[in-house]
Amino acid sequence: MFSIDFTKAKHVHSNQHKIIFSTASFQNGQYIHSFGEEWDLNSSTFQLPFGSEGYNGSIILLYAVYTDAGKRISRFNRIYIDTGSDGVQYPYFEQLFDCNYSYPASFILNGNQCGFCGSINELFSDFIDLFEQGIIAPIQPPTPAEFRLILNPVDNGNIVVTGYQEADGENYYFNEGDTAQLQIVPNSGYEFDTWSGNDAEDLINIDGTHYSILMSKNRVLAPSFMVVASSFNILSITPSDHANLNISGFDHQVGNDYYYLPNAAANIIINPLAGYDFSHFEGTGAAVYIQLGHWYFRITMNNNYTLQPIYTQL
């Protein structure tokens, strides 16, 4: 909607003059030239329609004052709209005003002060032709920066990552400003311990199992897991200098303690050194083991057990 204050228009009389609008617009992937929207100044207001559903695009609106006989008596002025009714910016016409009068399709307009060379028809038709030929290229939005999240691999657990654009092994690629979502999945018998690395301080703990981190730069994170002692049954074996022991079936070992998942089989093979022979077991495991072969024994780990092999000298 436009309006005019005739008290400030000293040389314009409503019954003798009109304002003519000309537009070049970019909408729905097309460049459109419109000429000849006239504002009869007998009306102090004028409405220039853009459609009932808004205008999603950019537009240059040039206007000047004419006599009723069609003679232009003012310089052209400009209105440049680069944001559509959808709130998106369409800066496709910026390149029109940077060539210092060197071509009818390129001239300088600052604010509402307008210098002009060539006719309006020359201006818009040439401008649109140059765009269609690709000589004047639309300004493309910058490609978002890409940042990488590296998760150092660990045993005893896994980290599920979401929100990335692509992944390559333990490398996850995100657009700048994206948020990486991390879900902790410990293996059976383990629980999450801590994060390490320079980026650990930027992690946001959501609920103890889920974390997030803003991908504003490249990130490196290393999770670690620890044993849940109550999830294992422990076989404690007293070592000896008289034999070599082969212990198997355990999840992990800490010194002479072997950690087994409940009801797992602890297999024990005794290889006495020269001059010694195996005699028997002592400890709580001595009452529950079964013998599978010569010097080959098994205990079902449904509890914690101690076991001390006893040897005799030959």
Protein backbone atom coordinates (compact mmCIF):
# COMPACT_ATOMS: atom_id res chain seq x y z
CA MET A 1 0.00 0.00 0.00
CA PHE A 2 1.42 3.38 -1.08
CA SER A 3 0.27 6.85 -0.12
CA ILE A 4 1.27 10.36 -1.20
CA ASP A 5 1.27 13.68 0.65
CA PHE A 6 0.48 16.34 -1.96
CA THR A 7 1.49 19.14 0.42
CA LYS A 8 5.08 17.96 -0.04
CA ALA A 9 4.81 17.39 -3.78
CA LYS A 10 5.24 20.94 -5.02
CA HIS A 11 5.22 20.20 -8.75
CA VAL A 12 2.74 17.34 -8.84
CA HIS A 13 -0.98 17.86 -9.25
CA SER A 14 -3.31 14.94 -8.84
CA ASN A 15 -5.39 15.75 -11.91
CA GLN A 16 -2.37 16.04 -14.20
CA HIS A 17 0.08 13.30 -13.12
CA LYS A 18 0.39 9.63 -12.42
CA ILE A 19 3.03 7.24 -11.06
CA ILE A 20 4.01 4.24 -13.15
CA PHE A 21 5.58 1.15 -11.58
CA SER A 22 7.82 -1.38 -13.26
CA THR A 23 9.06 -4.58 -11.60
CA ALA A 24 11.58 -7.33 -12.10
CA SER A 25 10.96 -10.27 -9.80
CA PHE A 26 12.24 -13.73 -9.05
CA GLN A 27 9.59 -16.18 -7.83
CA ASN A 28 9.23 -19.97 -8.03
CA GLY A 29 12.43 -20.26 -10.04
CA GLN A 30 11.33 -17.76 -12.73
CA TYR A 31 12.28 -14.19 -13.57
CA ILE A 32 9.31 -12.00 -14.45
CA HIS A 33 9.22 -8.48 -15.89
CA SER A 34 6.12 -6.36 -15.40
CA PHE A 35 5.61 -2.84 -16.74
CA GLY A 36 2.74 -0.42 -16.62
CA GLU A 37 1.08 -0.57 -13.19
CA GLU A 38 -0.32 2.99 -13.01
CA TRP A 39 -1.32 4.94 -9.93
CA ASP A 40 -3.92 7.56 -10.73
CA LEU A 41 -2.99 10.32 -8.35
CA ASN A 42 -6.60 11.41 -8.05
CA SER A 43 -6.46 8.74 -5.33
CA SER A 44 -4.07 9.46 -2.50
CA THR A 45 -3.41 5.74 -1.94
CA PHE A 46 -2.51 2.87 -4.24
CA GLN A 47 -2.35 -0.85 -3.61
CA LEU A 48 0.07 -2.97 -5.63
CA PRO A 49 -1.12 -6.62 -5.41
CA PHE A 50 1.33 -9.47 -4.80
CA GLY A 51 -1.17 -12.31 -4.77
CA SER A 52 -3.59 -13.70 -2.22
CA GLU A 53 -1.07 -16.24 -0.87
CA GLY A 54 1.83 -13.87 -0.23
CA TYR A 55 4.99 -13.41 -2.23
CA ASN A 56 7.85 -15.85 -1.77
CA GLY A 57 10.69 -14.31 -3.71
CA SER A 58 12.54 -11.05 -4.32
CA ILE A 59 11.56 -8.03 -6.34
CA ILE A 60 12.93 -4.72 -7.64
CA LEU A 61 10.25 -2.07 -7.89
CA LEU A 62 11.11 1.04 -9.96
CA TYR A 63 8.75 3.98 -10.10
CA ALA A 64 8.66 7.52 -11.50
CA VAL A 65 6.19 10.37 -11.95
CA TYR A 66 4.67 10.91 -15.40
CA THR A 67 2.31 13.46 -16.89
CA ASP A 68 -1.01 12.28 -18.19
CA ALA A 69 0.50 12.62 -21.66
CA GLY A 70 3.15 10.01 -20.75
CA LYS A 71 6.16 12.27 -20.21
CA ARG A 72 8.41 11.30 -17.34
CA ILE A 73 9.17 14.31 -15.12
CA SER A 74 11.09 12.66 -12.28
CA ARG A 75 14.08 10.42 -11.81
CA PHE A 76 13.42 6.77 -11.09
CA ASN A 77 13.36 5.62 -7.50
CA ARG A 78 13.77 2.06 -6.26
CA ILE A 79 12.24 -0.27 -3.71
CA TYR A 80 14.18 -3.52 -3.34
CA ILE A 81 12.52 -6.37 -1.42
CA ASP A 82 14.80 -9.35 -0.82
CA THR A 83 12.78 -11.25 1.80
CA GLY A 84 9.56 -13.04 0.87
CA SER A 85 6.45 -13.45 2.95
CA ASP A 86 7.81 -16.88 3.88
CA GLY A 87 10.62 -15.18 5.82
CA VAL A 88 13.32 -16.52 3.46
CA GLN A 89 15.88 -14.13 1.98
CA TYR A 90 16.28 -14.17 -1.81
CA PRO A 91 19.24 -11.87 -2.59
CA TYR A 92 19.22 -12.60 -6.33
CA PHE A 93 19.33 -8.99 -7.55
CA GLU A 94 22.32 -7.74 -5.58
CA GLN A 95 24.65 -8.11 -8.57
CA LEU A 96 22.56 -5.70 -10.60
CA PHE A 97 24.07 -2.63 -8.93
CA ASP A 98 27.85 -3.04 -9.00
CA CYS A 99 29.09 -2.15 -12.51
CA ASN A 100 29.03 1.68 -12.49
CA TYR A 101 26.79 2.39 -15.48
CA SER A 102 28.86 0.14 -17.77
CA TYR A 103 25.83 -1.66 -19.18
CA PRO A 104 22.09 -1.04 -19.23
CA ALA A 105 21.60 -4.16 -17.10
CA SER A 106 24.05 -2.90 -14.49
CA PHE A 107 23.66 0.45 -12.81
CA ILE A 108 23.96 1.90 -9.33
CA LEU A 109 21.04 2.79 -7.10
CA ASN A 110 21.70 3.91 -3.56
CA GLY A 111 18.70 4.09 -1.28
CA ASN A 112 15.90 5.95 -3.00
CA GLN A 113 18.26 8.07 -5.12
CA CYS A 114 18.37 6.71 -8.64
CA GLY A 115 20.75 7.26 -11.49
CA PHE A 116 19.66 5.56 -14.70
CA CYS A 117 20.92 4.79 -18.18
CA GLY A 118 18.92 2.97 -20.78
CA SER A 119 15.18 2.49 -20.77
CA ILE A 120 13.28 0.37 -18.27
CA ASN A 121 12.56 -2.20 -20.97
CA GLU A 122 16.28 -2.42 -21.81
CA LEU A 123 17.15 -2.73 -18.15
CA PHE A 124 14.84 -5.60 -17.30
CA SER A 125 14.88 -7.56 -20.55
CA ASP A 126 18.68 -7.56 -20.72
CA PHE A 127 18.96 -8.35 -17.03
CA ILE A 128 16.67 -11.37 -17.32
CA ASP A 129 18.45 -12.57 -20.48
CA LEU A 130 21.81 -12.44 -18.70
CA PHE A 131 20.42 -14.46 -15.80
CA GLU A 132 18.97 -17.09 -18.14
CA GLN A 133 22.30 -17.37 -19.94
CA GLY A 134 24.10 -17.84 -16.62
CA ILE A 135 26.27 -14.74 -17.12
CA ILE A 136 24.85 -13.17 -13.98
CA ALA A 137 24.59 -16.05 -11.50
CA PRO A 138 22.16 -16.11 -8.59
CA ILE A 139 23.92 -15.78 -5.28
CA GLN A 140 24.02 -19.24 -3.77
CA PRO A 141 23.82 -19.78 -0.02
CA PRO A 142 27.15 -20.88 1.42
CA THR A 143 27.69 -24.60 1.84
CA PRO A 144 27.54 -25.44 5.53
CA ALA A 145 30.88 -26.22 7.11
CA GLU A 146 31.46 -29.89 7.90
CA PHE A 147 32.87 -31.11 11.18
CA ARG A 148 33.97 -34.59 12.22
CA LEU A 149 33.31 -36.48 15.44
CA ILE A 150 35.84 -39.20 16.20
CA LEU A 151 34.95 -41.82 18.81
CA ASN A 152 37.97 -43.75 20.01
CA PRO A 153 37.02 -47.44 19.97
CA VAL A 154 36.73 -49.18 23.33
CA ASP A 155 35.99 -52.65 24.65
CA ASN A 156 33.11 -53.58 26.93
CA GLY A 157 30.57 -51.19 25.43
CA ASN A 158 29.31 -49.26 22.45
CA ILE A 159 28.22 -45.69 21.64
CA VAL A 160 25.27 -45.24 19.27
CA VAL A 161 25.58 -41.95 17.36
CA THR A 162 22.69 -40.20 15.60
CA GLY A 163 22.21 -36.86 13.85
CA TYR A 164 25.19 -37.20 11.47
CA GLN A 165 25.18 -36.65 7.70
CA GLU A 166 27.45 -39.62 6.97
CA ALA A 167 29.69 -42.06 8.82
CA ASP A 168 32.93 -43.88 8.10
CA GLY A 169 33.80 -46.38 10.81
CA GLU A 170 34.26 -44.41 14.02
CA ASN A 171 34.21 -41.09 12.10
CA TYR A 172 30.91 -39.22 11.98
CA TYR A 173 30.40 -36.12 9.83
CA PHE A 174 28.03 -33.30 10.77
CA ASN A 175 27.07 -29.94 9.31
CA GLU A 176 28.16 -26.95 11.33
CA GLY A 177 25.71 -26.28 14.12
CA ASP A 178 24.23 -29.78 14.13
CA THR A 179 23.95 -31.64 17.44
CA ALA A 180 25.44 -35.10 17.84
CA GLN A 181 23.31 -37.42 19.95
CA LEU A 182 25.20 -40.16 21.82
CA GLN A 183 23.63 -43.17 23.50
CA ILE A 184 25.69 -45.37 25.84
CA VAL A 185 25.23 -49.15 25.49
CA PRO A 186 27.45 -51.12 27.93
CA ASN A 187 28.17 -54.80 27.40
CA SER A 188 26.72 -57.26 29.90
CA GLY A 189 28.49 -56.95 33.24
CA TYR A 190 29.77 -53.44 32.57
CA GLU A 191 28.61 -49.92 33.17
CA PHE A 192 29.65 -46.57 31.77
CA ASP A 193 32.49 -44.92 33.66
CA THR A 194 33.50 -41.60 32.09
CA TRP A 195 34.30 -39.57 28.97
CA SER A 196 37.83 -38.43 28.24
CA GLY A 197 39.38 -36.09 25.67
CA ASN A 198 39.53 -32.31 25.29
CA ASP A 199 35.91 -32.16 24.12
CA ALA A 200 34.45 -34.13 27.03
CA GLU A 201 33.76 -30.90 28.95
CA ASP A 202 31.36 -29.77 26.20
CA LEU A 203 29.12 -32.83 26.49
CA ILE A 204 25.61 -32.34 27.84
CA ASN A 205 24.39 -35.17 30.07
CA ILE A 206 20.72 -35.69 29.25
CA ASP A 207 19.80 -38.64 31.45
CA GLY A 208 22.97 -40.57 32.27
CA THR A 209 22.57 -42.79 29.22
CA HIS A 210 22.11 -40.15 26.51
CA TYR A 211 24.51 -37.27 25.84
CA SER A 212 24.65 -34.53 23.23
CA ILE A 213 27.36 -32.21 21.92
CA LEU A 214 27.17 -29.23 19.55
CA MET A 215 29.24 -29.75 16.40
CA SER A 216 30.80 -26.29 16.20
CA LYS A 217 34.23 -27.79 15.45
CA ASN A 218 35.94 -31.15 15.02
CA ARG A 219 35.47 -33.31 18.10
CA VAL A 220 37.31 -36.31 19.62
CA LEU A 221 35.75 -38.33 22.44
CA ALA A 222 36.80 -41.50 24.25
CA PRO A 223 34.27 -43.36 26.44
CA SER A 224 35.32 -45.88 29.06
CA PHE A 225 33.43 -48.62 30.88
CA MET A 226 34.01 -50.40 34.17
CA VAL A 227 33.08 -53.74 35.61
CA VAL A 228 29.88 -54.11 37.57
CA ALA A 229 31.25 -56.36 40.29
CA SER A 230 27.84 -57.71 41.28
CA SER A 231 27.31 -59.00 37.73
CA PHE A 232 30.18 -61.52 37.98
CA ASN A 233 31.15 -64.49 40.08
CA ILE A 234 34.82 -64.58 41.00
CA LEU A 235 37.14 -67.58 41.02
CA SER A 236 40.22 -66.81 43.13
CA ILE A 237 43.06 -69.26 42.45
CA THR A 238 46.21 -69.44 44.56
CA PRO A 239 49.25 -69.59 42.25
CA SER A 240 52.09 -72.05 42.74
CA ASP A 241 55.67 -72.48 41.58
CA HIS A 242 55.06 -76.19 41.04
CA ALA A 243 52.74 -76.10 38.02
CA ASN A 244 51.40 -74.03 35.16
CA LEU A 245 47.67 -73.37 35.20
CA ASN A 246 45.54 -72.86 32.09
CA ILE A 247 42.32 -71.02 33.08
CA SER A 248 39.59 -70.31 30.50
CA GLY A 249 35.96 -69.27 30.17
CA PHE A 250 36.29 -66.03 32.16
CA ASP A 251 35.20 -62.57 31.04
CA HIS A 252 38.22 -60.76 32.42
CA GLN A 253 41.03 -61.19 34.91
CA VAL A 254 42.36 -58.99 37.70
CA GLY A 255 45.50 -60.50 39.20
CA ASN A 256 44.66 -64.02 40.41
CA ASP A 257 40.91 -63.31 40.34
CA TYR A 258 38.93 -64.53 37.33
CA TYR A 259 35.52 -62.91 36.67
CA TYR A 260 32.79 -65.13 35.18
CA LEU A 261 29.26 -64.37 34.13
CA PRO A 262 26.72 -66.25 36.28
CA ASN A 263 26.70 -70.01 35.55
CA ALA A 264 29.59 -69.78 33.11
CA ALA A 265 32.00 -72.71 33.05
CA ALA A 266 35.45 -72.20 34.59
CA ASN A 267 37.84 -74.62 32.90
CA ILE A 268 41.11 -75.44 34.71
CA ILE A 269 43.98 -77.44 33.26
CA ILE A 270 46.94 -78.21 35.54
CA ASN A 271 50.38 -78.92 34.08
CA PRO A 272 52.73 -79.87 36.97
CA LEU A 273 56.39 -79.05 36.57
CA ALA A 274 59.03 -81.76 36.55
CA GLY A 275 59.37 -83.45 39.95
CA TYR A 276 55.81 -82.59 41.07
CA ASP A 277 52.36 -84.09 40.77
CA PHE A 278 48.91 -82.68 41.45
CA SER A 279 47.36 -83.97 44.66
CA HIS A 280 44.03 -82.21 45.33
CA PHE A 281 42.20 -78.87 45.68
CA GLU A 282 41.49 -76.87 48.77
CA GLY A 283 39.10 -73.94 49.17
CA THR A 284 35.40 -73.46 48.60
CA GLY A 285 35.69 -74.64 45.02
CA ALA A 286 37.04 -78.02 46.12
CA ALA A 287 33.53 -79.22 46.89
CA VAL A 288 31.94 -78.31 43.56
CA TYR A 289 34.43 -79.07 40.79
CA ILE A 290 34.07 -81.97 38.37
CA GLN A 291 36.97 -83.75 36.71
CA LEU A 292 36.74 -84.04 32.92
CA GLY A 293 40.07 -85.66 32.28
CA HIS A 294 43.56 -86.14 33.65
CA TRP A 295 44.38 -82.80 35.35
CA TYR A 296 41.37 -81.19 33.58
CA PHE A 297 38.66 -79.74 35.85
CA ARG A 298 35.52 -77.59 35.61
CA ILE A 299 33.51 -75.45 38.05
CA THR A 300 30.07 -74.00 37.25
CA MET A 301 30.34 -70.39 38.43
CA ASN A 302 27.05 -69.93 40.25
CA ASN A 303 28.86 -68.36 43.22
CA ASN A 304 32.22 -66.94 44.26
CA TYR A 305 34.83 -69.62 44.84
CA THR A 306 38.40 -69.95 46.06
CA LEU A 307 40.67 -72.69 44.81
CA GLN A 308 44.17 -73.73 45.87
CA PRO A 309 45.85 -76.63 44.04
CA ILE A 310 48.02 -78.83 46.27
CA TYR A 311 51.03 -80.67 44.86
CA THR A 312 53.28 -83.50 46.01
CA GLN A 313 56.95 -83.84 45.25
CA LEU A 314 58.01 -86.96 43.38
